[in-house]
Amino acid sequence: MINLMLDNKEEVKRALVTLAVEKALLDIGKPTYDKVLEILNTEYHCHLPDCYEHPKYLNEILKQLSGNAGKVIVESIARQLEEFNHHKPIKKFLEVIYN
């Protein structure tokens, strides 16, 4: 029962991160969202929810975006997750995408 509760808490954190990333990408525009998903799929063989466990993938992709789009996306994600960054996995995710 305790393991199930821990799994559920991790799934909630994963969902929060996924939604924050998705919203930040869509706020920039659908073409950017589509491009990030395509790179995740072709280069890393994963999907948006996998960025929770592998924030380095997202970090690398955001660095490839033109202009300051990557920085804007990271700042948007951080704002959305601000109230949850006391959770160690979310804090670690934010630290990785900031670098």
C-alpha atoms as a PDB file:
ATOM      1  CA  MET A   1       0.000   0.000   0.000  1.00  0.00           C
ATOM      2  CA  ILE A   2       2.812   2.418   0.858  1.00  0.00           C
ATOM      3  CA  ASN A   3       4.580   1.671  -2.451  1.00  0.00           C
ATOM      4  CA  LEU A   4       1.339   2.378  -4.302  1.00  0.00           C
ATOM      5  CA  MET A   5       1.011   5.738  -2.544  1.00  0.00           C
ATOM      6  CA  LEU A   6       4.614   6.614  -3.422  1.00  0.00           C
ATOM      7  CA  ASP A   7       4.032   5.617  -7.038  1.00  0.00           C
ATOM      8  CA  ASN A   8       0.913   7.799  -7.162  1.00  0.00           C
ATOM      9  CA  LYS A   9       2.809  10.777  -5.745  1.00  0.00           C
ATOM     10  CA  GLU A  10       5.529  10.342  -8.353  1.00  0.00           C
ATOM     11  CA  GLU A  11       2.921  10.097 -11.106  1.00  0.00           C
ATOM     12  CA  VAL A  12       1.336  13.355  -9.903  1.00  0.00           C
ATOM     13  CA  LYS A  13       4.736  15.083  -9.992  1.00  0.00           C
ATOM     14  CA  ARG A  14       5.404  13.658 -13.444  1.00  0.00           C
ATOM     15  CA  ALA A  15       2.011  14.919 -14.639  1.00  0.00           C
ATOM     16  CA  LEU A  16       2.638  18.388 -13.160  1.00  0.00           C
ATOM     17  CA  VAL A  17       5.981  18.657 -14.924  1.00  0.00           C
ATOM     18  CA  THR A  18       4.546  17.345 -18.198  1.00  0.00           C
ATOM     19  CA  LEU A  19       1.674  19.837 -18.129  1.00  0.00           C
ATOM     20  CA  ALA A  20       3.995  22.738 -17.294  1.00  0.00           C
ATOM     21  CA  VAL A  21       6.318  21.845 -20.181  1.00  0.00           C
ATOM     22  CA  GLU A  22       3.424  21.345 -22.576  1.00  0.00           C
ATOM     23  CA  LYS A  23       1.846  24.694 -21.657  1.00  0.00           C
ATOM     24  CA  ALA A  24       5.162  26.553 -21.926  1.00  0.00           C
ATOM     25  CA  LEU A  25       5.795  25.069 -25.371  1.00  0.00           C
ATOM     26  CA  LEU A  26       2.285  25.783 -26.612  1.00  0.00           C
ATOM     27  CA  ASP A  27       2.489  29.369 -25.309  1.00  0.00           C
ATOM     28  CA  ILE A  28       5.436  29.872 -27.676  1.00  0.00           C
ATOM     29  CA  GLY A  29       3.490  28.246 -30.502  1.00  0.00           C
ATOM     30  CA  LYS A  30       2.311  24.972 -31.963  1.00  0.00           C
ATOM     31  CA  PRO A  31       5.263  24.749 -34.404  1.00  0.00           C
ATOM     32  CA  THR A  32       7.716  24.911 -31.484  1.00  0.00           C
ATOM     33  CA  TYR A  33       5.706  22.328 -29.562  1.00  0.00           C
ATOM     34  CA  ASP A  34       5.681  20.020 -32.593  1.00  0.00           C
ATOM     35  CA  LYS A  35       9.421  20.531 -33.184  1.00  0.00           C
ATOM     36  CA  VAL A  36      10.312  19.657 -29.583  1.00  0.00           C
ATOM     37  CA  LEU A  37       8.128  16.530 -29.674  1.00  0.00           C
ATOM     38  CA  GLU A  38       9.674  15.484 -32.979  1.00  0.00           C
ATOM     39  CA  ILE A  39      13.241  15.879 -31.664  1.00  0.00           C
ATOM     40  CA  LEU A  40      12.355  14.010 -28.464  1.00  0.00           C
ATOM     41  CA  ASN A  41      11.005  11.171 -30.559  1.00  0.00           C
ATOM     42  CA  THR A  42      13.689  10.991 -33.256  1.00  0.00           C
ATOM     43  CA  GLU A  43      16.832  11.763 -31.240  1.00  0.00           C
ATOM     44  CA  TYR A  44      15.929  10.423 -27.801  1.00  0.00           C
ATOM     45  CA  HIS A  45      13.189   7.869 -28.586  1.00  0.00           C
ATOM     46  CA  CYS A  46      10.927   9.235 -25.884  1.00  0.00           C
ATOM     47  CA  HIS A  47       7.900  11.447 -25.284  1.00  0.00           C
ATOM     48  CA  LEU A  48       7.150  14.593 -23.310  1.00  0.00           C
ATOM     49  CA  PRO A  49       6.334  12.805 -20.001  1.00  0.00           C
ATOM     50  CA  ASP A  50       9.773  11.148 -20.156  1.00  0.00           C
ATOM     51  CA  CYS A  51      11.385  14.570 -19.638  1.00  0.00           C
ATOM     52  CA  TYR A  52      10.510  14.250 -15.941  1.00  0.00           C
ATOM     53  CA  GLU A  53      13.075  11.452 -15.613  1.00  0.00           C
ATOM     54  CA  HIS A  54      15.372  12.838 -18.336  1.00  0.00           C
ATOM     55  CA  PRO A  55      15.355  16.644 -18.082  1.00  0.00           C
ATOM     56  CA  LYS A  56      18.725  16.766 -19.871  1.00  0.00           C
ATOM     57  CA  TYR A  57      16.933  15.798 -23.100  1.00  0.00           C
ATOM     58  CA  LEU A  58      14.644  18.801 -22.821  1.00  0.00           C
ATOM     59  CA  ASN A  59      17.571  21.027 -21.855  1.00  0.00           C
ATOM     60  CA  GLU A  60      19.497  20.025 -24.992  1.00  0.00           C
ATOM     61  CA  ILE A  61      16.490  20.537 -27.260  1.00  0.00           C
ATOM     62  CA  LEU A  62      15.662  23.961 -25.809  1.00  0.00           C
ATOM     63  CA  LYS A  63      19.246  25.072 -26.470  1.00  0.00           C
ATOM     64  CA  GLN A  64      18.673  24.303 -30.168  1.00  0.00           C
ATOM     65  CA  LEU A  65      15.664  26.609 -30.481  1.00  0.00           C
ATOM     66  CA  SER A  66      16.172  29.905 -32.260  1.00  0.00           C
ATOM     67  CA  GLY A  67      16.421  33.209 -30.468  1.00  0.00           C
ATOM     68  CA  ASN A  68      15.582  33.265 -26.784  1.00  0.00           C
ATOM     69  CA  ALA A  69      12.669  30.801 -27.088  1.00  0.00           C
ATOM     70  CA  GLY A  70      14.455  28.199 -24.952  1.00  0.00           C
ATOM     71  CA  LYS A  71      15.080  30.690 -22.149  1.00  0.00           C
ATOM     72  CA  VAL A  72      11.459  31.889 -22.269  1.00  0.00           C
ATOM     73  CA  ILE A  73      10.223  28.296 -22.099  1.00  0.00           C
ATOM     74  CA  VAL A  74      12.455  27.460 -19.113  1.00  0.00           C
ATOM     75  CA  GLU A  75      11.300  30.573 -17.259  1.00  0.00           C
ATOM     76  CA  SER A  76       7.660  29.713 -17.959  1.00  0.00           C
ATOM     77  CA  ILE A  77       8.133  26.158 -16.696  1.00  0.00           C
ATOM     78  CA  ALA A  78       9.861  27.443 -13.554  1.00  0.00           C
ATOM     79  CA  ARG A  79       7.038  29.908 -12.838  1.00  0.00           C
ATOM     80  CA  GLN A  80       4.422  27.203 -13.227  1.00  0.00           C
ATOM     81  CA  LEU A  81       6.283  24.785 -10.959  1.00  0.00           C
ATOM     82  CA  GLU A  82       7.422  27.389  -8.418  1.00  0.00           C
ATOM     83  CA  GLU A  83       5.039  26.268  -5.677  1.00  0.00           C
ATOM     84  CA  PHE A  84       6.141  22.639  -6.131  1.00  0.00           C
ATOM     85  CA  ASN A  85       9.919  23.120  -6.262  1.00  0.00           C
ATOM     86  CA  HIS A  86      10.282  22.048  -2.635  1.00  0.00           C
ATOM     87  CA  HIS A  87       9.747  18.491  -3.918  1.00  0.00           C
ATOM     88  CA  LYS A  88      13.201  17.086  -4.586  1.00  0.00           C
ATOM     89  CA  PRO A  89      12.448  15.561  -8.047  1.00  0.00           C
ATOM     90  CA  ILE A  90      10.845  18.781  -9.308  1.00  0.00           C
ATOM     91  CA  LYS A  91      13.677  20.877  -7.905  1.00  0.00           C
ATOM     92  CA  LYS A  92      16.209  18.594  -9.629  1.00  0.00           C
ATOM     93  CA  PHE A  93      14.260  18.804 -12.904  1.00  0.00           C
ATOM     94  CA  LEU A  94      14.323  22.620 -12.759  1.00  0.00           C
ATOM     95  CA  GLU A  95      18.033  22.700 -11.937  1.00  0.00           C
ATOM     96  CA  VAL A  96      18.837  20.542 -14.954  1.00  0.00           C
ATOM     97  CA  ILE A  97      16.754  22.518 -17.449  1.00  0.00           C
ATOM     98  CA  TYR A  98      18.258  25.797 -16.181  1.00  0.00           C
ATOM     99  CA  ASN A  99      21.831  24.707 -16.990  1.00  0.00           C
END
